[in-house]
Amino acid sequence: MNYLLYILVMLEIYTLLALSANQKVGMSGLLSFAQAVFYGMGAYVTAIFITKFGFSYWLALPVAILTCVLVALLFSFIAGKVRELYFSLATLALQVIFFSIVFNWTSITGGADGIRKISHPAIFGFEINTPSSFAVFGGFWVLVVLLFYGWFLKTPISRMIKATRDDQIAVLSLGKNPNYYKRISIILSAIIAGIAGSLYATYSAYIDPTSFNLDESILILSIVLIGGAGRIIGPITGALIYILLPKLLEFIQMPDNIAANIRMIIFGVLLVLIVRFKPKGIFGKYLIQ
């Protein structure tokens, strides 16, 4: 039962990550290789303020979100005005810089050893420290983000973000600044990824740099590509496929050490097939370019 709850919590975390990447890639058309940066930023800032400064989760979370917002804002000013290819290269550089910082700044991040003994959240004195309570807590955050999107997708800002993705010249002809809407999308994406990182840090009680490297960013992007970019159902579907693959492999009684590698092979093959035969993804409405 605990394993099933673990699967559920990881599904919730990767759903948040996929939704955050979809905001940048699917809604704005900005191909990013740095989603793990804001995921890791949320995790590390939360962990540092809890373990080193004695903050509670509810005090550390706003600091983590604010950090993600400030870094996303700075990055959007630096890289938000360049062409799509150079934006992608800039995100790749950001990913490399972030990993180097958390790996080498040992006095703050713990370096390769990471940060341990991260305390769990508490609500009205009740500590969320069991698999079932964390599954409910993770579900709460997924619900919050989905409710936000239920409102946000109907707003003029969301429509302008999509218009900027589809035709920047048309947006300019309306007297609007496309870079402004790109900036909003980058910040929203960072906030959701930061929430996922904060949730992961307090759930696992231990983090290290390997959870937030370039491989993780590519994985998150692949989840969106398989499920389909530009719609909410797409990232959720991609996360379901990625997380539930190990359960499917259990039916053939495959050893865990082999199943982990086979899962990535199957996921990679599925990605190639999606790109070849259904390039917009299973439920996508936007072609990632």
C-alpha atoms as a PDB file:
ATOM      1  CA  MET A   1       0.000   0.000   0.000  1.00  0.00           C
ATOM      2  CA  ASN A   2       2.820   2.403   0.874  1.00  0.00           C
ATOM      3  CA  TYR A   3       4.392   1.762  -2.531  1.00  0.00           C
ATOM      4  CA  LEU A   4       1.153   2.669  -4.282  1.00  0.00           C
ATOM      5  CA  LEU A   5       0.976   5.888  -2.256  1.00  0.00           C
ATOM      6  CA  TYR A   6       4.592   6.631  -3.204  1.00  0.00           C
ATOM      7  CA  ILE A   7       3.649   6.185  -6.863  1.00  0.00           C
ATOM      8  CA  LEU A   8       0.709   8.550  -6.347  1.00  0.00           C
ATOM      9  CA  VAL A   9       2.861  11.259  -4.732  1.00  0.00           C
ATOM     10  CA  MET A  10       5.458  11.039  -7.518  1.00  0.00           C
ATOM     11  CA  LEU A  11       2.641  11.220 -10.063  1.00  0.00           C
ATOM     12  CA  GLU A  12       1.426  14.418  -8.399  1.00  0.00           C
ATOM     13  CA  ILE A  13       4.920  15.928  -8.418  1.00  0.00           C
ATOM     14  CA  TYR A  14       5.518  15.082 -12.080  1.00  0.00           C
ATOM     15  CA  THR A  15       2.054  16.338 -12.990  1.00  0.00           C
ATOM     16  CA  LEU A  16       3.008  19.706 -11.498  1.00  0.00           C
ATOM     17  CA  LEU A  17       6.335  19.645 -13.345  1.00  0.00           C
ATOM     18  CA  ALA A  18       4.680  18.741 -16.644  1.00  0.00           C
ATOM     19  CA  LEU A  19       2.091  21.505 -16.201  1.00  0.00           C
ATOM     20  CA  SER A  20       4.872  23.986 -15.470  1.00  0.00           C
ATOM     21  CA  ALA A  21       6.779  22.959 -18.597  1.00  0.00           C
ATOM     22  CA  ASN A  22       3.595  23.090 -20.660  1.00  0.00           C
ATOM     23  CA  GLN A  23       3.079  26.702 -19.599  1.00  0.00           C
ATOM     24  CA  LYS A  24       6.404  27.608 -21.149  1.00  0.00           C
ATOM     25  CA  VAL A  25       6.530  25.189 -24.076  1.00  0.00           C
ATOM     26  CA  GLY A  26       2.899  24.571 -24.988  1.00  0.00           C
ATOM     27  CA  MET A  27       1.300  27.887 -24.104  1.00  0.00           C
ATOM     28  CA  SER A  28       4.164  30.178 -25.129  1.00  0.00           C
ATOM     29  CA  GLY A  29       6.132  28.158 -27.661  1.00  0.00           C
ATOM     30  CA  LEU A  30       9.371  28.592 -25.695  1.00  0.00           C
ATOM     31  CA  LEU A  31      11.468  25.425 -25.830  1.00  0.00           C
ATOM     32  CA  SER A  32      13.216  25.147 -22.465  1.00  0.00           C
ATOM     33  CA  PHE A  33      15.937  22.812 -21.232  1.00  0.00           C
ATOM     34  CA  ALA A  34      15.962  24.314 -17.749  1.00  0.00           C
ATOM     35  CA  GLN A  35      12.735  23.219 -16.083  1.00  0.00           C
ATOM     36  CA  ALA A  36      14.726  21.283 -13.496  1.00  0.00           C
ATOM     37  CA  VAL A  37      16.376  24.574 -12.503  1.00  0.00           C
ATOM     38  CA  PHE A  38      13.189  25.969 -10.983  1.00  0.00           C
ATOM     39  CA  TYR A  39      12.232  22.521  -9.694  1.00  0.00           C
ATOM     40  CA  GLY A  40      15.592  22.362  -7.924  1.00  0.00           C
ATOM     41  CA  MET A  41      15.396  25.975  -6.823  1.00  0.00           C
ATOM     42  CA  GLY A  42      12.100  25.337  -5.076  1.00  0.00           C
ATOM     43  CA  ALA A  43      13.551  22.232  -3.429  1.00  0.00           C
ATOM     44  CA  TYR A  44      16.868  23.745  -2.361  1.00  0.00           C
ATOM     45  CA  VAL A  45      15.532  27.059  -1.064  1.00  0.00           C
ATOM     46  CA  THR A  46      12.875  25.211   0.932  1.00  0.00           C
ATOM     47  CA  ALA A  47      15.438  22.743   2.302  1.00  0.00           C
ATOM     48  CA  ILE A  48      17.988  25.439   3.176  1.00  0.00           C
ATOM     49  CA  PHE A  49      15.525  27.652   5.015  1.00  0.00           C
ATOM     50  CA  ILE A  50      14.047  24.695   6.909  1.00  0.00           C
ATOM     51  CA  THR A  51      17.332  23.047   7.932  1.00  0.00           C
ATOM     52  CA  LYS A  52      19.595  26.080   8.390  1.00  0.00           C
ATOM     53  CA  PHE A  53      17.198  28.814   9.532  1.00  0.00           C
ATOM     54  CA  GLY A  54      14.510  26.797  11.268  1.00  0.00           C
ATOM     55  CA  PHE A  55      11.677  27.944   9.007  1.00  0.00           C
ATOM     56  CA  SER A  56       8.481  25.946   8.781  1.00  0.00           C
ATOM     57  CA  TYR A  57       7.358  24.680   5.380  1.00  0.00           C
ATOM     58  CA  TRP A  58       4.751  27.434   5.148  1.00  0.00           C
ATOM     59  CA  LEU A  59       7.398  30.121   5.709  1.00  0.00           C
ATOM     60  CA  ALA A  60      10.009  28.498   3.464  1.00  0.00           C
ATOM     61  CA  LEU A  61       7.591  27.982   0.560  1.00  0.00           C
ATOM     62  CA  PRO A  62       6.964  31.719  -0.109  1.00  0.00           C
ATOM     63  CA  VAL A  63      10.727  32.332  -0.008  1.00  0.00           C
ATOM     64  CA  ALA A  64      11.232  29.527  -2.532  1.00  0.00           C
ATOM     65  CA  ILE A  65       8.496  30.882  -4.802  1.00  0.00           C
ATOM     66  CA  LEU A  66       9.875  34.425  -4.558  1.00  0.00           C
ATOM     67  CA  THR A  67      13.350  33.153  -5.456  1.00  0.00           C
ATOM     68  CA  CYS A  68      11.952  31.345  -8.496  1.00  0.00           C
ATOM     69  CA  VAL A  69      10.061  34.485  -9.548  1.00  0.00           C
ATOM     70  CA  LEU A  70      13.133  36.722  -9.248  1.00  0.00           C
ATOM     71  CA  VAL A  71      15.395  34.334 -11.165  1.00  0.00           C
ATOM     72  CA  ALA A  72      12.721  33.789 -13.835  1.00  0.00           C
ATOM     73  CA  LEU A  73      12.201  37.544 -14.130  1.00  0.00           C
ATOM     74  CA  LEU A  74      15.927  38.187 -14.488  1.00  0.00           C
ATOM     75  CA  PHE A  75      16.280  35.378 -17.006  1.00  0.00           C
ATOM     76  CA  SER A  76      13.291  36.614 -19.018  1.00  0.00           C
ATOM     77  CA  PHE A  77      14.841  40.076 -19.310  1.00  0.00           C
ATOM     78  CA  ILE A  78      18.148  38.598 -20.456  1.00  0.00           C
ATOM     79  CA  ALA A  79      16.904  35.840 -22.776  1.00  0.00           C
ATOM     80  CA  GLY A  80      13.229  36.621 -23.389  1.00  0.00           C
ATOM     81  CA  LYS A  81      13.894  38.871 -26.376  1.00  0.00           C
ATOM     82  CA  VAL A  82      16.059  36.508 -28.416  1.00  0.00           C
ATOM     83  CA  ARG A  83      14.940  34.124 -31.143  1.00  0.00           C
ATOM     84  CA  GLU A  84      13.631  30.677 -30.222  1.00  0.00           C
ATOM     85  CA  LEU A  85      16.882  28.793 -30.905  1.00  0.00           C
ATOM     86  CA  TYR A  86      18.956  31.189 -28.811  1.00  0.00           C
ATOM     87  CA  PHE A  87      16.368  31.103 -26.036  1.00  0.00           C
ATOM     88  CA  SER A  88      16.717  27.317 -25.880  1.00  0.00           C
ATOM     89  CA  LEU A  89      20.506  27.645 -25.750  1.00  0.00           C
ATOM     90  CA  ALA A  90      20.152  30.216 -22.960  1.00  0.00           C
ATOM     91  CA  THR A  91      18.014  27.791 -20.938  1.00  0.00           C
ATOM     92  CA  LEU A  92      20.667  25.126 -21.460  1.00  0.00           C
ATOM     93  CA  ALA A  93      23.279  27.531 -20.088  1.00  0.00           C
ATOM     94  CA  LEU A  94      21.024  28.307 -17.111  1.00  0.00           C
ATOM     95  CA  GLN A  95      20.713  24.582 -16.386  1.00  0.00           C
ATOM     96  CA  VAL A  96      24.492  24.116 -16.434  1.00  0.00           C
ATOM     97  CA  ILE A  97      25.034  27.152 -14.182  1.00  0.00           C
ATOM     98  CA  PHE A  98      22.440  26.014 -11.645  1.00  0.00           C
ATOM     99  CA  PHE A  99      23.830  22.484 -11.430  1.00  0.00           C
ATOM    100  CA  SER A 100      27.368  23.826 -10.996  1.00  0.00           C
ATOM    101  CA  ILE A 101      26.243  26.093  -8.148  1.00  0.00           C
ATOM    102  CA  VAL A 102      24.357  23.448  -6.165  1.00  0.00           C
ATOM    103  CA  PHE A 103      27.116  20.882  -6.756  1.00  0.00           C
ATOM    104  CA  ASN A 104      30.032  23.113  -5.743  1.00  0.00           C
ATOM    105  CA  TRP A 105      28.590  25.492  -3.112  1.00  0.00           C
ATOM    106  CA  THR A 106      29.063  22.870  -0.418  1.00  0.00           C
ATOM    107  CA  SER A 107      28.709  25.196   2.581  1.00  0.00           C
ATOM    108  CA  ILE A 108      25.112  26.024   1.612  1.00  0.00           C
ATOM    109  CA  THR A 109      23.810  23.199  -0.590  1.00  0.00           C
ATOM    110  CA  GLY A 110      25.873  20.326   0.783  1.00  0.00           C
ATOM    111  CA  GLY A 111      27.376  19.702  -2.642  1.00  0.00           C
ATOM    112  CA  ALA A 112      27.206  16.106  -3.838  1.00  0.00           C
ATOM    113  CA  ASP A 113      26.069  14.978  -0.369  1.00  0.00           C
ATOM    114  CA  GLY A 114      22.930  17.104  -0.615  1.00  0.00           C
ATOM    115  CA  ILE A 115      20.735  18.222   2.276  1.00  0.00           C
ATOM    116  CA  ARG A 116      19.275  15.759   4.767  1.00  0.00           C
ATOM    117  CA  LYS A 117      16.702  15.768   7.556  1.00  0.00           C
ATOM    118  CA  ILE A 118      14.278  18.160   5.869  1.00  0.00           C
ATOM    119  CA  SER A 119      11.250  18.374   8.124  1.00  0.00           C
ATOM    120  CA  HIS A 120       7.749  17.666   6.872  1.00  0.00           C
ATOM    121  CA  PRO A 121       4.960  20.248   6.549  1.00  0.00           C
ATOM    122  CA  ALA A 122       2.421  20.669   9.325  1.00  0.00           C
ATOM    123  CA  ILE A 123      -1.138  22.013   9.256  1.00  0.00           C
ATOM    124  CA  PHE A 124      -2.681  23.219  12.527  1.00  0.00           C
ATOM    125  CA  GLY A 125      -0.201  21.107  14.486  1.00  0.00           C
ATOM    126  CA  PHE A 126      -0.784  17.990  12.385  1.00  0.00           C
ATOM    127  CA  GLU A 127       2.458  16.866  10.737  1.00  0.00           C
ATOM    128  CA  ILE A 128       2.161  15.526   7.204  1.00  0.00           C
ATOM    129  CA  ASN A 129       4.571  12.622   7.579  1.00  0.00           C
ATOM    130  CA  THR A 130       2.733   9.532   6.352  1.00  0.00           C
ATOM    131  CA  PRO A 131       2.383   8.304   2.750  1.00  0.00           C
ATOM    132  CA  SER A 132      -1.382   8.769   2.830  1.00  0.00           C
ATOM    133  CA  SER A 133      -1.250  12.311   4.234  1.00  0.00           C
ATOM    134  CA  PHE A 134       1.398  13.294   1.682  1.00  0.00           C
ATOM    135  CA  ALA A 135      -0.717  11.857  -1.126  1.00  0.00           C
ATOM    136  CA  VAL A 136      -3.578  14.090   0.001  1.00  0.00           C
ATOM    137  CA  PHE A 137      -1.219  17.063   0.381  1.00  0.00           C
ATOM    138  CA  GLY A 138       0.215  16.556  -3.104  1.00  0.00           C
ATOM    139  CA  GLY A 139      -3.294  16.215  -4.478  1.00  0.00           C
ATOM    140  CA  PHE A 140      -4.143  19.530  -2.844  1.00  0.00           C
ATOM    141  CA  TRP A 141      -1.379  21.307  -4.767  1.00  0.00           C
ATOM    142  CA  VAL A 142      -2.351  19.661  -8.055  1.00  0.00           C
ATOM    143  CA  LEU A 143      -5.945  20.763  -7.459  1.00  0.00           C
ATOM    144  CA  VAL A 144      -4.819  24.328  -6.683  1.00  0.00           C
ATOM    145  CA  VAL A 145      -2.855  24.515  -9.945  1.00  0.00           C
ATOM    146  CA  LEU A 146      -5.694  22.986 -11.979  1.00  0.00           C
ATOM    147  CA  LEU A 147      -8.217  25.410 -10.463  1.00  0.00           C
ATOM    148  CA  PHE A 148      -5.844  28.252 -11.254  1.00  0.00           C
ATOM    149  CA  TYR A 149      -5.671  27.116 -14.878  1.00  0.00           C
ATOM    150  CA  GLY A 150      -9.447  26.765 -14.980  1.00  0.00           C
ATOM    151  CA  TRP A 151      -9.565  30.493 -14.294  1.00  0.00           C
ATOM    152  CA  PHE A 152      -6.385  31.668 -16.025  1.00  0.00           C
ATOM    153  CA  LEU A 153      -7.064  30.082 -19.413  1.00  0.00           C
ATOM    154  CA  LYS A 154     -10.198  32.225 -19.727  1.00  0.00           C
ATOM    155  CA  THR A 155      -8.369  35.504 -19.102  1.00  0.00           C
ATOM    156  CA  PRO A 156      -7.238  37.994 -21.783  1.00  0.00           C
ATOM    157  CA  ILE A 157      -3.630  37.539 -20.627  1.00  0.00           C
ATOM    158  CA  SER A 158      -3.748  33.814 -21.394  1.00  0.00           C
ATOM    159  CA  ARG A 159      -5.190  34.499 -24.843  1.00  0.00           C
ATOM    160  CA  MET A 160      -2.426  37.018 -25.535  1.00  0.00           C
ATOM    161  CA  ILE A 161       0.206  34.505 -24.415  1.00  0.00           C
ATOM    162  CA  LYS A 162      -1.131  32.014 -26.975  1.00  0.00           C
ATOM    163  CA  ALA A 163      -1.364  34.744 -29.606  1.00  0.00           C
ATOM    164  CA  THR A 164       2.291  35.583 -28.964  1.00  0.00           C
ATOM    165  CA  ARG A 165       3.137  31.920 -29.484  1.00  0.00           C
ATOM    166  CA  ASP A 166       1.245  31.746 -32.791  1.00  0.00           C
ATOM    167  CA  ASP A 167       1.971  35.142 -34.370  1.00  0.00           C
ATOM    168  CA  GLN A 168       4.147  37.769 -32.697  1.00  0.00           C
ATOM    169  CA  ILE A 169       3.715  40.194 -35.593  1.00  0.00           C
ATOM    170  CA  ALA A 170      -0.054  40.155 -35.101  1.00  0.00           C
ATOM    171  CA  VAL A 171       0.452  40.895 -31.398  1.00  0.00           C
ATOM    172  CA  LEU A 172       2.726  43.805 -32.273  1.00  0.00           C
ATOM    173  CA  SER A 173       0.113  45.126 -34.698  1.00  0.00           C
ATOM    174  CA  LEU A 174      -2.310  45.330 -31.750  1.00  0.00           C
ATOM    175  CA  GLY A 175       0.123  47.581 -29.934  1.00  0.00           C
ATOM    176  CA  LYS A 176       1.072  44.852 -27.454  1.00  0.00           C
ATOM    177  CA  ASN A 177       4.560  43.795 -26.371  1.00  0.00           C
ATOM    178  CA  PRO A 178       5.123  40.049 -27.001  1.00  0.00           C
ATOM    179  CA  ASN A 179       8.059  39.982 -24.581  1.00  0.00           C
ATOM    180  CA  TYR A 180       5.763  41.056 -21.746  1.00  0.00           C
ATOM    181  CA  TYR A 181       3.549  38.003 -22.264  1.00  0.00           C
ATOM    182  CA  LYS A 182       6.548  35.707 -22.630  1.00  0.00           C
ATOM    183  CA  ARG A 183       7.805  37.057 -19.312  1.00  0.00           C
ATOM    184  CA  ILE A 184       4.506  36.284 -17.592  1.00  0.00           C
ATOM    185  CA  SER A 185       4.565  32.738 -18.944  1.00  0.00           C
ATOM    186  CA  ILE A 186       8.156  32.124 -17.831  1.00  0.00           C
ATOM    187  CA  ILE A 187       7.343  33.363 -14.319  1.00  0.00           C
ATOM    188  CA  LEU A 188       4.175  31.253 -14.030  1.00  0.00           C
ATOM    189  CA  SER A 189       6.103  28.205 -15.184  1.00  0.00           C
ATOM    190  CA  ALA A 190       8.800  28.870 -12.582  1.00  0.00           C
ATOM    191  CA  ILE A 191       6.254  29.241  -9.766  1.00  0.00           C
ATOM    192  CA  ILE A 192       4.583  25.891 -10.489  1.00  0.00           C
ATOM    193  CA  ALA A 193       7.939  24.114 -10.816  1.00  0.00           C
ATOM    194  CA  GLY A 194       9.065  25.725  -7.547  1.00  0.00           C
ATOM    195  CA  ILE A 195       5.976  24.404  -5.761  1.00  0.00           C
ATOM    196  CA  ALA A 196       6.750  20.923  -7.119  1.00  0.00           C
ATOM    197  CA  GLY A 197      10.340  21.206  -5.883  1.00  0.00           C
ATOM    198  CA  SER A 198       9.261  22.329  -2.434  1.00  0.00           C
ATOM    199  CA  LEU A 199       6.820  19.424  -2.243  1.00  0.00           C
ATOM    200  CA  TYR A 200       9.506  16.956  -3.336  1.00  0.00           C
ATOM    201  CA  ALA A 201      12.052  18.220  -0.784  1.00  0.00           C
ATOM    202  CA  THR A 202       9.700  17.890   2.168  1.00  0.00           C
ATOM    203  CA  TYR A 203       8.374  14.532   0.973  1.00  0.00           C
ATOM    204  CA  SER A 204      11.743  12.863   0.427  1.00  0.00           C
ATOM    205  CA  ALA A 205      13.422  14.691   3.382  1.00  0.00           C
ATOM    206  CA  TYR A 206      16.644  14.555   1.335  1.00  0.00           C
ATOM    207  CA  ILE A 207      17.771  16.203  -1.880  1.00  0.00           C
ATOM    208  CA  ASP A 208      20.971  16.197  -3.936  1.00  0.00           C
ATOM    209  CA  PRO A 209      22.016  17.762  -7.276  1.00  0.00           C
ATOM    210  CA  THR A 210      21.411  14.635  -9.371  1.00  0.00           C
ATOM    211  CA  SER A 211      17.640  15.099  -9.057  1.00  0.00           C
ATOM    212  CA  PHE A 212      17.828  18.464 -10.827  1.00  0.00           C
ATOM    213  CA  ASN A 213      20.283  17.980 -13.679  1.00  0.00           C
ATOM    214  CA  LEU A 214      19.931  18.312 -17.446  1.00  0.00           C
ATOM    215  CA  ASP A 215      18.604  14.755 -17.729  1.00  0.00           C
ATOM    216  CA  GLU A 216      15.689  15.726 -15.490  1.00  0.00           C
ATOM    217  CA  SER A 217      14.921  18.795 -17.616  1.00  0.00           C
ATOM    218  CA  ILE A 218      14.899  16.690 -20.771  1.00  0.00           C
ATOM    219  CA  LEU A 219      12.682  14.112 -19.057  1.00  0.00           C
ATOM    220  CA  ILE A 220      10.133  16.777 -18.067  1.00  0.00           C
ATOM    221  CA  LEU A 221      10.133  18.139 -21.618  1.00  0.00           C
ATOM    222  CA  SER A 222       9.676  14.609 -22.984  1.00  0.00           C
ATOM    223  CA  ILE A 223       6.665  14.036 -20.724  1.00  0.00           C
ATOM    224  CA  VAL A 224       5.005  17.114 -22.222  1.00  0.00           C
ATOM    225  CA  LEU A 225       5.942  16.079 -25.752  1.00  0.00           C
ATOM    226  CA  ILE A 226       4.416  12.607 -25.334  1.00  0.00           C
ATOM    227  CA  GLY A 227       1.221  13.791 -23.645  1.00  0.00           C
ATOM    228  CA  GLY A 228       0.853  16.781 -25.931  1.00  0.00           C
ATOM    229  CA  ALA A 229       1.637  20.467 -25.494  1.00  0.00           C
ATOM    230  CA  GLY A 230      -0.868  23.297 -25.393  1.00  0.00           C
ATOM    231  CA  ARG A 231      -3.598  21.520 -23.415  1.00  0.00           C
ATOM    232  CA  ILE A 232      -3.890  20.680 -19.729  1.00  0.00           C
ATOM    233  CA  ILE A 233      -4.770  17.033 -20.376  1.00  0.00           C
ATOM    234  CA  GLY A 234      -1.560  16.478 -22.369  1.00  0.00           C
ATOM    235  CA  PRO A 235       1.004  16.954 -19.561  1.00  0.00           C
ATOM    236  CA  ILE A 236      -1.179  14.974 -17.148  1.00  0.00           C
ATOM    237  CA  THR A 237      -1.313  12.079 -19.633  1.00  0.00           C
ATOM    238  CA  GLY A 238       2.452  12.197 -20.141  1.00  0.00           C
ATOM    239  CA  ALA A 239       3.056  12.112 -16.387  1.00  0.00           C
ATOM    240  CA  LEU A 240       0.693   9.145 -16.031  1.00  0.00           C
ATOM    241  CA  ILE A 241       2.545   7.203 -18.725  1.00  0.00           C
ATOM    242  CA  TYR A 242       5.974   7.908 -17.227  1.00  0.00           C
ATOM    243  CA  ILE A 243       5.052   7.114 -13.620  1.00  0.00           C
ATOM    244  CA  LEU A 244       2.854   4.069 -14.293  1.00  0.00           C
ATOM    245  CA  LEU A 245       5.312   2.284 -16.607  1.00  0.00           C
ATOM    246  CA  PRO A 246       7.022   0.493 -13.653  1.00  0.00           C
ATOM    247  CA  LYS A 247       3.651  -0.904 -12.551  1.00  0.00           C
ATOM    248  CA  LEU A 248       3.119  -2.362 -16.026  1.00  0.00           C
ATOM    249  CA  LEU A 249       6.556  -3.979 -15.904  1.00  0.00           C
ATOM    250  CA  GLU A 250       5.673  -5.655 -12.610  1.00  0.00           C
ATOM    251  CA  PHE A 251       3.146  -7.834 -14.427  1.00  0.00           C
ATOM    252  CA  ILE A 252       5.996  -9.635 -16.170  1.00  0.00           C
ATOM    253  CA  GLN A 253       7.852  -9.996 -12.828  1.00  0.00           C
ATOM    254  CA  MET A 254      10.923  -8.105 -13.962  1.00  0.00           C
ATOM    255  CA  PRO A 255      13.610  -7.389 -11.304  1.00  0.00           C
ATOM    256  CA  ASP A 256      13.602  -3.786 -10.048  1.00  0.00           C
ATOM    257  CA  ASN A 257      17.166  -3.010 -11.170  1.00  0.00           C
ATOM    258  CA  ILE A 258      16.338  -4.128 -14.721  1.00  0.00           C
ATOM    259  CA  ALA A 259      12.865  -2.567 -14.715  1.00  0.00           C
ATOM    260  CA  ALA A 260      14.311   0.896 -14.023  1.00  0.00           C
ATOM    261  CA  ASN A 261      16.456   0.737 -17.167  1.00  0.00           C
ATOM    262  CA  ILE A 262      13.739  -0.901 -19.255  1.00  0.00           C
ATOM    263  CA  ARG A 263      11.311   1.865 -18.265  1.00  0.00           C
ATOM    264  CA  MET A 264      13.586   4.528 -19.744  1.00  0.00           C
ATOM    265  CA  ILE A 265      14.118   2.438 -22.885  1.00  0.00           C
ATOM    266  CA  ILE A 266      10.363   1.992 -23.373  1.00  0.00           C
ATOM    267  CA  PHE A 267       9.792   5.678 -22.645  1.00  0.00           C
ATOM    268  CA  GLY A 268      12.460   6.589 -25.207  1.00  0.00           C
ATOM    269  CA  VAL A 269      10.966   4.312 -27.861  1.00  0.00           C
ATOM    270  CA  LEU A 270       7.517   5.767 -27.170  1.00  0.00           C
ATOM    271  CA  LEU A 271       8.959   9.263 -27.548  1.00  0.00           C
ATOM    272  CA  VAL A 272      10.445   8.378 -30.946  1.00  0.00           C
ATOM    273  CA  LEU A 273       7.124   6.880 -32.096  1.00  0.00           C
ATOM    274  CA  ILE A 274       5.198   9.961 -30.935  1.00  0.00           C
ATOM    275  CA  VAL A 275       7.586  12.292 -32.755  1.00  0.00           C
ATOM    276  CA  ARG A 276       7.317  10.193 -35.917  1.00  0.00           C
ATOM    277  CA  PHE A 277       3.597   9.445 -36.088  1.00  0.00           C
ATOM    278  CA  LYS A 278       1.890  11.987 -33.815  1.00  0.00           C
ATOM    279  CA  PRO A 279       4.242  14.967 -33.491  1.00  0.00           C
ATOM    280  CA  LYS A 280       1.785  17.069 -31.490  1.00  0.00           C
ATOM    281  CA  GLY A 281       1.605  14.379 -28.815  1.00  0.00           C
ATOM    282  CA  ILE A 282      -1.340  12.266 -27.708  1.00  0.00           C
ATOM    283  CA  PHE A 283      -3.619  15.170 -26.796  1.00  0.00           C
ATOM    284  CA  GLY A 284      -1.559  18.135 -27.997  1.00  0.00           C
ATOM    285  CA  LYS A 285      -2.719  21.082 -30.067  1.00  0.00           C
ATOM    286  CA  TYR A 286       0.682  22.734 -30.486  1.00  0.00           C
ATOM    287  CA  LEU A 287       3.678  21.332 -32.367  1.00  0.00           C
ATOM    288  CA  ILE A 288       6.869  21.790 -30.336  1.00  0.00           C
ATOM    289  CA  GLN A 289       9.512  23.174 -32.667  1.00  0.00           C
END
